[in-house]
C-alpha cells in the first residue's frame, strides 16, 4: 500500500470517528452547536479524503514524511482513546 492510500485512509478514519461521536451525542441529548459542527466537520473530512482518493493519482502525493507520520500517529492515538 502506498503512502497516499494510507494517509487518506487515516483521514477518513478520523472523520468517521468524529462524525460518529457527534451523531451519537446528537441522538442521545439535545442538539448543541458544538456537536453539529463536529458532525459536519467529520463528514466533510470523509468526503474530501474520499474525493482525493478517487480523483488524484498517488504520483501527485506531496505530503512530507513528518506530516504523513503525524497523521498516522494521530489516527492511531485517536483510535486508542476511543477504544479505552
PDB file of N, CA and C in Angstrom:
ATOM      1  N   UNK A   1       0.838  -1.169   0.000  1.00  0.00           N
ATOM      2  CA  UNK A   1       0.000   0.000   0.000  1.00  0.00           C
ATOM      3  C   UNK A   1       0.891   1.244   0.000  1.00  0.00           C
ATOM      4  N   UNK A   2       0.527   2.208  -0.807  1.00  0.00           N
ATOM      5  CA  UNK A   2       1.336   3.414  -0.908  1.00  0.00           C
ATOM      6  C   UNK A   2       0.979   4.405   0.195  1.00  0.00           C
ATOM      7  N   UNK A   3       1.902   5.312   0.446  1.00  0.00           N
ATOM      8  CA  UNK A   3       1.686   6.326   1.478  1.00  0.00           C
ATOM      9  C   UNK A   3       0.448   7.166   1.184  1.00  0.00           C
ATOM     10  N   UNK A   4       0.175   7.396  -0.070  1.00  0.00           N
ATOM     11  CA  UNK A   4      -1.014   8.147  -0.495  1.00  0.00           C
ATOM     12  C   UNK A   4      -2.283   7.506   0.060  1.00  0.00           C
ATOM     13  N   UNK A   5      -2.402   6.198  -0.103  1.00  0.00           N
ATOM     14  CA  UNK A   5      -3.597   5.488   0.353  1.00  0.00           C
ATOM     15  C   UNK A   5      -3.666   5.427   1.880  1.00  0.00           C
ATOM     16  N   UNK A   6      -2.541   5.221   2.526  1.00  0.00           N
ATOM     17  CA  UNK A   6      -2.514   5.167   3.991  1.00  0.00           C
ATOM     18  C   UNK A   6      -2.910   6.522   4.567  1.00  0.00           C
ATOM     19  N   UNK A   7      -2.355   7.585   4.027  1.00  0.00           N
ATOM     20  CA  UNK A   7      -2.630   8.934   4.510  1.00  0.00           C
ATOM     21  C   UNK A   7      -4.118   9.263   4.431  1.00  0.00           C
ATOM     22  N   UNK A   8      -4.709   9.068   3.265  1.00  0.00           N
ATOM     23  CA  UNK A   8      -6.114   9.419   3.091  1.00  0.00           C
ATOM     24  C   UNK A   8      -7.040   8.450   3.821  1.00  0.00           C
ATOM     25  N   UNK A   9      -6.653   7.205   3.959  1.00  0.00           N
ATOM     26  CA  UNK A   9      -7.448   6.257   4.750  1.00  0.00           C
ATOM     27  C   UNK A   9      -7.457   6.663   6.221  1.00  0.00           C
ATOM     28  N   UNK A  10      -6.327   7.133   6.717  1.00  0.00           N
ATOM     29  CA  UNK A  10      -6.270   7.615   8.100  1.00  0.00           C
ATOM     30  C   UNK A  10      -7.173   8.827   8.289  1.00  0.00           C
ATOM     31  N   UNK A  11      -7.174   9.733   7.333  1.00  0.00           N
ATOM     32  CA  UNK A  11      -8.045  10.903   7.440  1.00  0.00           C
ATOM     33  C   UNK A  11      -9.521  10.501   7.393  1.00  0.00           C
ATOM     34  N   UNK A  12      -9.847   9.502   6.589  1.00  0.00           N
ATOM     35  CA  UNK A  12     -11.225   9.014   6.542  1.00  0.00           C
ATOM     36  C   UNK A  12     -11.608   8.401   7.887  1.00  0.00           C
ATOM     37  N   UNK A  13     -10.713   7.633   8.486  1.00  0.00           N
ATOM     38  CA  UNK A  13     -10.998   7.049   9.799  1.00  0.00           C
ATOM     39  C   UNK A  13     -11.232   8.125  10.853  1.00  0.00           C
ATOM     40  N   UNK A  14     -10.420   9.161  10.855  1.00  0.00           N
ATOM     41  CA  UNK A  14     -10.594  10.260  11.807  1.00  0.00           C
ATOM     42  C   UNK A  14     -11.950  10.936  11.586  1.00  0.00           C
ATOM     43  N   UNK A  15     -12.302  11.160  10.335  1.00  0.00           N
ATOM     44  CA  UNK A  15     -13.599  11.769  10.031  1.00  0.00           C
ATOM     45  C   UNK A  15     -14.764  10.907  10.479  1.00  0.00           C
ATOM     46  N   UNK A  16     -14.656   9.603  10.280  1.00  0.00           N
ATOM     47  CA  UNK A  16     -15.716   8.687  10.710  1.00  0.00           C
ATOM     48  C   UNK A  16     -15.847   8.707  12.231  1.00  0.00           C
ATOM     49  N   UNK A  17     -14.719   8.711  12.933  1.00  0.00           N
ATOM     50  CA  UNK A  17     -14.770   8.748  14.405  1.00  0.00           C
ATOM     51  C   UNK A  17     -15.410  10.047  14.880  1.00  0.00           C
ATOM     52  N   UNK A  18     -14.996  11.184  14.331  1.00  0.00           N
ATOM     53  CA  UNK A  18     -15.580  12.464  14.737  1.00  0.00           C
ATOM     54  C   UNK A  18     -17.085  12.495  14.459  1.00  0.00           C
ATOM     55  N   UNK A  19     -17.477  12.091  13.261  1.00  0.00           N
ATOM     56  CA  UNK A  19     -18.888  12.132  12.900  1.00  0.00           C
ATOM     57  C   UNK A  19     -19.714  11.178  13.756  1.00  0.00           C
ATOM     58  N   UNK A  20     -19.213   9.981  13.986  1.00  0.00           N
ATOM     59  CA  UNK A  20     -19.985   9.017  14.771  1.00  0.00           C
ATOM     60  C   UNK A  20     -20.109   9.452  16.229  1.00  0.00           C
ATOM     61  N   UNK A  21     -19.046  10.029  16.791  1.00  0.00           N
ATOM     62  CA  UNK A  21     -19.137  10.532  18.165  1.00  0.00           C
ATOM     63  C   UNK A  21     -20.162  11.665  18.254  1.00  0.00           C
ATOM     64  N   UNK A  22     -20.159  12.542  17.279  1.00  0.00           N
ATOM     65  CA  UNK A  22     -21.101  13.666  17.291  1.00  0.00           C
ATOM     66  C   UNK A  22     -22.529  13.185  17.064  1.00  0.00           C
ATOM     67  N   UNK A  23     -22.707  12.241  16.169  1.00  0.00           N
ATOM     68  CA  UNK A  23     -24.054  11.761  15.892  1.00  0.00           C
ATOM     69  C   UNK A  23     -24.645  10.998  17.071  1.00  0.00           C
ATOM     70  N   UNK A  24     -23.814  10.257  17.800  1.00  0.00           N
ATOM     71  CA  UNK A  24     -24.336   9.599  18.996  1.00  0.00           C
ATOM     72  C   UNK A  24     -24.696  10.618  20.071  1.00  0.00           C
ATOM     73  N   UNK A  25     -23.932  11.695  20.166  1.00  0.00           N
ATOM     74  CA  UNK A  25     -24.267  12.764  21.108  1.00  0.00           C
ATOM     75  C   UNK A  25     -25.579  13.434  20.712  1.00  0.00           C
ATOM     76  N   UNK A  26     -25.739  13.700  19.429  1.00  0.00           N
ATOM     77  CA  UNK A  26     -26.965  14.343  18.960  1.00  0.00           C
ATOM     78  C   UNK A  26     -28.177  13.434  19.137  1.00  0.00           C
ATOM     79  N   UNK A  27     -27.991  12.138  19.010  1.00  0.00           N
ATOM     80  CA  UNK A  27     -29.108  11.201  19.141  1.00  0.00           C
ATOM     81  C   UNK A  27     -29.534  11.025  20.595  1.00  0.00           C
ATOM     82  N   UNK A  28     -28.589  11.158  21.523  1.00  0.00           N
ATOM     83  CA  UNK A  28     -28.908  10.889  22.923  1.00  0.00           C
ATOM     84  C   UNK A  28     -29.226  12.142  23.737  1.00  0.00           C
ATOM     85  N   UNK A  29     -28.833  13.292  23.272  1.00  0.00           N
ATOM     86  CA  UNK A  29     -29.030  14.528  24.027  1.00  0.00           C
ATOM     87  C   UNK A  29     -29.693  15.576  23.142  1.00  0.00           C
ATOM     88  N   UNK A  30     -29.865  16.744  23.712  1.00  0.00           N
ATOM     89  CA  UNK A  30     -30.408  17.856  22.939  1.00  0.00           C
ATOM     90  C   UNK A  30     -29.380  18.318  21.903  1.00  0.00           C
ATOM     91  N   UNK A  31     -29.868  18.935  20.864  1.00  0.00           N
ATOM     92  CA  UNK A  31     -28.997  19.418  19.800  1.00  0.00           C
ATOM     93  C   UNK A  31     -28.163  20.580  20.331  1.00  0.00           C
ATOM     94  N   UNK A  32     -26.850  20.496  20.098  1.00  0.00           N
ATOM     95  CA  UNK A  32     -25.959  21.581  20.505  1.00  0.00           C
ATOM     96  C   UNK A  32     -25.093  21.984  19.325  1.00  0.00           C
ATOM     97  N   UNK A  33     -24.675  23.222  19.320  1.00  0.00           N
ATOM     98  CA  UNK A  33     -23.870  23.740  18.216  1.00  0.00           C
ATOM     99  C   UNK A  33     -22.543  22.991  18.085  1.00  0.00           C
ATOM    100  N   UNK A  34     -21.801  22.747  19.176  1.00  0.00           N
ATOM    101  CA  UNK A  34     -20.538  22.023  19.017  1.00  0.00           C
ATOM    102  C   UNK A  34     -20.707  20.618  18.428  1.00  0.00           C
ATOM    103  N   UNK A  35     -21.764  19.924  18.817  1.00  0.00           N
ATOM    104  CA  UNK A  35     -21.981  18.579  18.279  1.00  0.00           C
ATOM    105  C   UNK A  35     -22.319  18.631  16.790  1.00  0.00           C
ATOM    106  N   UNK A  36     -23.101  19.612  16.396  1.00  0.00           N
ATOM    107  CA  UNK A  36     -23.442  19.757  14.974  1.00  0.00           C
ATOM    108  C   UNK A  36     -22.199  20.095  14.164  1.00  0.00           C
ATOM    109  N   UNK A  37     -21.383  21.009  14.678  1.00  0.00           N
ATOM    110  CA  UNK A  37     -20.152  21.388  13.969  1.00  0.00           C
ATOM    111  C   UNK A  37     -19.207  20.193  13.863  1.00  0.00           C
ATOM    112  N   UNK A  38     -19.093  19.405  14.927  1.00  0.00           N
ATOM    113  CA  UNK A  38     -18.231  18.226  14.907  1.00  0.00           C
ATOM    114  C   UNK A  38     -18.732  17.217  13.881  1.00  0.00           C
ATOM    115  N   UNK A  39     -20.034  17.011  13.813  1.00  0.00           N
ATOM    116  CA  UNK A  39     -20.592  16.074  12.841  1.00  0.00           C
ATOM    117  C   UNK A  39     -20.339  16.550  11.414  1.00  0.00           C
ATOM    118  N   UNK A  40     -20.552  17.822  11.171  1.00  0.00           N
ATOM    119  CA  UNK A  40     -20.332  18.369   9.830  1.00  0.00           C
ATOM    120  C   UNK A  40     -18.859  18.262   9.445  1.00  0.00           C
ATOM    121  N   UNK A  41     -17.973  18.614  10.364  1.00  0.00           N
ATOM    122  CA  UNK A  41     -16.532  18.545  10.075  1.00  0.00           C
ATOM    123  C   UNK A  41     -16.088  17.109   9.802  1.00  0.00           C
ATOM    124  N   UNK A  42     -16.607  16.155  10.567  1.00  0.00           N
ATOM    125  CA  UNK A  42     -16.267  14.757  10.330  1.00  0.00           C
ATOM    126  C   UNK A  42     -16.728  14.288   8.963  1.00  0.00           C
ATOM    127  N   UNK A  43     -17.946  14.660   8.590  1.00  0.00           N
ATOM    128  CA  UNK A  43     -18.464  14.258   7.278  1.00  0.00           C
ATOM    129  C   UNK A  43     -17.707  14.934   6.135  1.00  0.00           C
ATOM    130  N   UNK A  44     -17.342  16.187   6.337  1.00  0.00           N
ATOM    131  CA  UNK A  44     -16.555  16.891   5.306  1.00  0.00           C
ATOM    132  C   UNK A  44     -15.177  16.242   5.156  1.00  0.00           C
ATOM    133  N   UNK A  45     -14.572  15.851   6.262  1.00  0.00           N
ATOM    134  CA  UNK A  45     -13.264  15.190   6.204  1.00  0.00           C
ATOM    135  C   UNK A  45     -13.360  13.864   5.454  1.00  0.00           C
ATOM    136  N   UNK A  46     -14.412  13.110   5.711  1.00  0.00           N
ATOM    137  CA  UNK A  46     -14.616  11.845   4.990  1.00  0.00           C
ATOM    138  C   UNK A  46     -14.818  12.109   3.500  1.00  0.00           C
ATOM    139  N   UNK A  47     -15.659  13.084   3.185  1.00  0.00           N
ATOM    140  CA  UNK A  47     -15.935  13.393   1.782  1.00  0.00           C
ATOM    141  C   UNK A  47     -14.720  13.915   1.033  1.00  0.00           C
ATOM    142  N   UNK A  48     -13.973  14.812   1.655  1.00  0.00           N
ATOM    143  CA  UNK A  48     -12.796  15.391   0.994  1.00  0.00           C
ATOM    144  C   UNK A  48     -11.707  14.345   0.787  1.00  0.00           C
ATOM    145  N   UNK A  49     -11.487  13.497   1.786  1.00  0.00           N
ATOM    146  CA  UNK A  49     -10.457  12.467   1.644  1.00  0.00           C
ATOM    147  C   UNK A  49     -10.875  11.404   0.637  1.00  0.00           C
ATOM    148  N   UNK A  50     -12.155  11.054   0.646  1.00  0.00           N
ATOM    149  CA  UNK A  50     -12.653  10.108  -0.357  1.00  0.00           C
ATOM    150  C   UNK A  50     -12.527  10.657  -1.763  1.00  0.00           C
ATOM    151  N   UNK A  51     -12.817  11.939  -1.920  1.00  0.00           N
ATOM    152  CA  UNK A  51     -12.664  12.583  -3.224  1.00  0.00           C
ATOM    153  C   UNK A  51     -11.205  12.553  -3.678  1.00  0.00           C
ATOM    154  N   UNK A  52     -10.290  12.868  -2.776  1.00  0.00           N
ATOM    155  CA  UNK A  52      -8.861  12.843  -3.112  1.00  0.00           C
ATOM    156  C   UNK A  52      -8.419  11.435  -3.525  1.00  0.00           C
ATOM    157  N   UNK A  53      -8.919  10.426  -2.814  1.00  0.00           N
ATOM    158  CA  UNK A  53      -8.553   9.045  -3.161  1.00  0.00           C
ATOM    159  C   UNK A  53      -9.031   8.679  -4.556  1.00  0.00           C
ATOM    160  N   UNK A  54     -10.207   9.160  -4.926  1.00  0.00           N
ATOM    161  CA  UNK A  54     -10.774   8.792  -6.223  1.00  0.00           C
ATOM    162  C   UNK A  54     -10.276   9.636  -7.378  1.00  0.00           C
ATOM    163  N   UNK A  55      -9.915  10.881  -7.125  1.00  0.00           N
ATOM    164  CA  UNK A  55      -9.606  11.798  -8.216  1.00  0.00           C
ATOM    165  C   UNK A  55      -8.112  12.019  -8.465  1.00  0.00           C
ATOM    166  N   UNK A  56      -7.289  11.907  -7.457  1.00  0.00           N
ATOM    167  CA  UNK A  56      -5.858  12.174  -7.628  1.00  0.00           C
ATOM    168  C   UNK A  56      -5.094  10.882  -7.798  1.00  0.00           C
ATOM    169  N   UNK A  57      -3.953  10.995  -8.381  1.00  0.00           N
ATOM    170  CA  UNK A  57      -3.105   9.812  -8.529  1.00  0.00           C
ATOM    171  C   UNK A  57      -2.042   9.824  -7.429  1.00  0.00           C
ATOM    172  N   UNK A  58      -1.605   8.637  -7.017  1.00  0.00           N
ATOM    173  CA  UNK A  58      -0.574   8.570  -5.970  1.00  0.00           C
ATOM    174  C   UNK A  58       0.719   9.288  -6.338  1.00  0.00           C
ATOM    175  N   UNK A  59       0.987   9.459  -7.611  1.00  0.00           N
ATOM    176  CA  UNK A  59       2.220  10.146  -8.013  1.00  0.00           C
ATOM    177  C   UNK A  59       2.160  11.640  -7.677  1.00  0.00           C
ATOM    178  N   UNK A  60       0.968  12.186  -7.451  1.00  0.00           N
ATOM    179  CA  UNK A  60       0.815  13.597  -7.109  1.00  0.00           C
ATOM    180  C   UNK A  60       0.881  13.840  -5.604  1.00  0.00           C
ATOM    181  N   UNK A  61       1.108  12.816  -4.809  1.00  0.00           N
ATOM    182  CA  UNK A  61       1.132  12.941  -3.350  1.00  0.00           C
ATOM    183  C   UNK A  61       2.341  13.761  -2.935  1.00  0.00           C
ATOM    184  N   UNK A  62       2.111  14.859  -2.218  1.00  0.00           N
ATOM    185  CA  UNK A  62       3.206  15.766  -1.892  1.00  0.00           C
ATOM    186  C   UNK A  62       3.306  16.098  -0.404  1.00  0.00           C
ATOM    187  N   UNK A  63       2.784  15.244   0.459  1.00  0.00           N
ATOM    188  CA  UNK A  63       2.905  15.462   1.896  1.00  0.00           C
ATOM    189  C   UNK A  63       4.237  14.879   2.355  1.00  0.00           C
ATOM    190  N   UNK A  64       4.978  15.643   3.128  1.00  0.00           N
ATOM    191  CA  UNK A  64       6.290  15.200   3.590  1.00  0.00           C
ATOM    192  C   UNK A  64       6.199  14.099   4.637  1.00  0.00           C
ATOM    193  N   UNK A  65       7.334  13.546   5.002  1.00  0.00           N
ATOM    194  CA  UNK A  65       7.327  12.439   5.959  1.00  0.00           C
ATOM    195  C   UNK A  65       6.840  12.837   7.350  1.00  0.00           C
ATOM    196  N   UNK A  66       7.126  14.061   7.780  1.00  0.00           N
ATOM    197  CA  UNK A  66       6.674  14.487   9.113  1.00  0.00           C
ATOM    198  C   UNK A  66       5.151  14.604   9.140  1.00  0.00           C
ATOM    199  N   UNK A  67       4.582  15.216   8.129  1.00  0.00           N
ATOM    200  CA  UNK A  67       3.131  15.338   8.059  1.00  0.00           C
ATOM    201  C   UNK A  67       2.447  13.990   7.931  1.00  0.00           C
ATOM    202  N   UNK A  68       3.040  13.109   7.128  1.00  0.00           N
ATOM    203  CA  UNK A  68       2.478  11.766   6.959  1.00  0.00           C
ATOM    204  C   UNK A  68       2.445  11.020   8.282  1.00  0.00           C
ATOM    205  N   UNK A  69       3.583  10.987   8.970  1.00  0.00           N
ATOM    206  CA  UNK A  69       3.641  10.234  10.229  1.00  0.00           C
ATOM    207  C   UNK A  69       2.848  10.911  11.341  1.00  0.00           C
ATOM    208  N   UNK A  70       2.673  12.216  11.284  1.00  0.00           N
ATOM    209  CA  UNK A  70       1.827  12.904  12.265  1.00  0.00           C
ATOM    210  C   UNK A  70       0.370  12.474  12.102  1.00  0.00           C
ATOM    211  N   UNK A  71      -0.088  12.349  10.864  1.00  0.00           N
ATOM    212  CA  UNK A  71      -1.463  11.914  10.624  1.00  0.00           C
ATOM    213  C   UNK A  71      -1.641  10.459  11.042  1.00  0.00           C
ATOM    214  N   UNK A  72      -0.683   9.608  10.713  1.00  0.00           N
ATOM    215  CA  UNK A  72      -0.781   8.193  11.086  1.00  0.00           C
ATOM    216  C   UNK A  72      -0.767   8.041  12.609  1.00  0.00           C
ATOM    217  N   UNK A  73       0.159   8.722  13.282  1.00  0.00           N
ATOM    218  CA  UNK A  73       0.237   8.629  14.740  1.00  0.00           C
ATOM    219  C   UNK A  73      -0.999   9.229  15.400  1.00  0.00           C
ATOM    220  N   UNK A  74      -1.501  10.323  14.864  1.00  0.00           N
ATOM    221  CA  UNK A  74      -2.717  10.918  15.403  1.00  0.00           C
ATOM    222  C   UNK A  74      -3.922  10.009  15.258  1.00  0.00           C
ATOM    223  N   UNK A  75      -4.008   9.324  14.139  1.00  0.00           N
ATOM    224  CA  UNK A  75      -5.112   8.382  13.930  1.00  0.00           C
ATOM    225  C   UNK A  75      -5.017   7.215  14.890  1.00  0.00           C
ATOM    226  N   UNK A  76      -3.830   6.665  15.050  1.00  0.00           N
ATOM    227  CA  UNK A  76      -3.643   5.558  15.993  1.00  0.00           C
ATOM    228  C   UNK A  76      -3.965   6.009  17.418  1.00  0.00           C
ATOM    229  N   UNK A  77      -3.519   7.196  17.789  1.00  0.00           N
ATOM    230  CA  UNK A  77      -3.807   7.724  19.121  1.00  0.00           C
ATOM    231  C   UNK A  77      -5.296   7.961  19.335  1.00  0.00           C
ATOM    232  N   UNK A  78      -5.977   8.512  18.337  1.00  0.00           N
ATOM    233  CA  UNK A  78      -7.414   8.742  18.446  1.00  0.00           C
ATOM    234  C   UNK A  78      -8.167   7.428  18.586  1.00  0.00           C
ATOM    235  N   UNK A  79      -7.806   6.445  17.772  1.00  0.00           N
ATOM    236  CA  UNK A  79      -8.477   5.148  17.862  1.00  0.00           C
ATOM    237  C   UNK A  79      -8.212   4.481  19.205  1.00  0.00           C
ATOM    238  N   UNK A  80      -7.004   4.651  19.739  1.00  0.00           N
ATOM    239  CA  UNK A  80      -6.695   4.082  21.058  1.00  0.00           C
ATOM    240  C   UNK A  80      -7.532   4.752  22.144  1.00  0.00           C
ATOM    241  N   UNK A  81      -7.700   6.062  22.058  1.00  0.00           N
ATOM    242  CA  UNK A  81      -8.522   6.776  23.049  1.00  0.00           C
ATOM    243  C   UNK A  81      -9.990   6.401  22.951  1.00  0.00           C
ATOM    244  N   UNK A  82     -10.475   6.157  21.747  1.00  0.00           N
ATOM    245  CA  UNK A  82     -11.874   5.776  21.577  1.00  0.00           C
ATOM    246  C   UNK A  82     -12.115   4.387  22.159  1.00  0.00           C
ATOM    247  N   UNK A  83     -11.159   3.494  21.997  1.00  0.00           N
ATOM    248  CA  UNK A  83     -11.319   2.129  22.487  1.00  0.00           C
ATOM    249  C   UNK A  83     -11.247   2.089  24.011  1.00  0.00           C
ATOM    250  N   UNK A  84     -10.405   2.928  24.589  1.00  0.00           N
ATOM    251  CA  UNK A  84     -10.219   2.887  26.058  1.00  0.00           C
ATOM    252  C   UNK A  84     -11.435   3.370  26.777  1.00  0.00           C
TER     253      UNK A  84
END
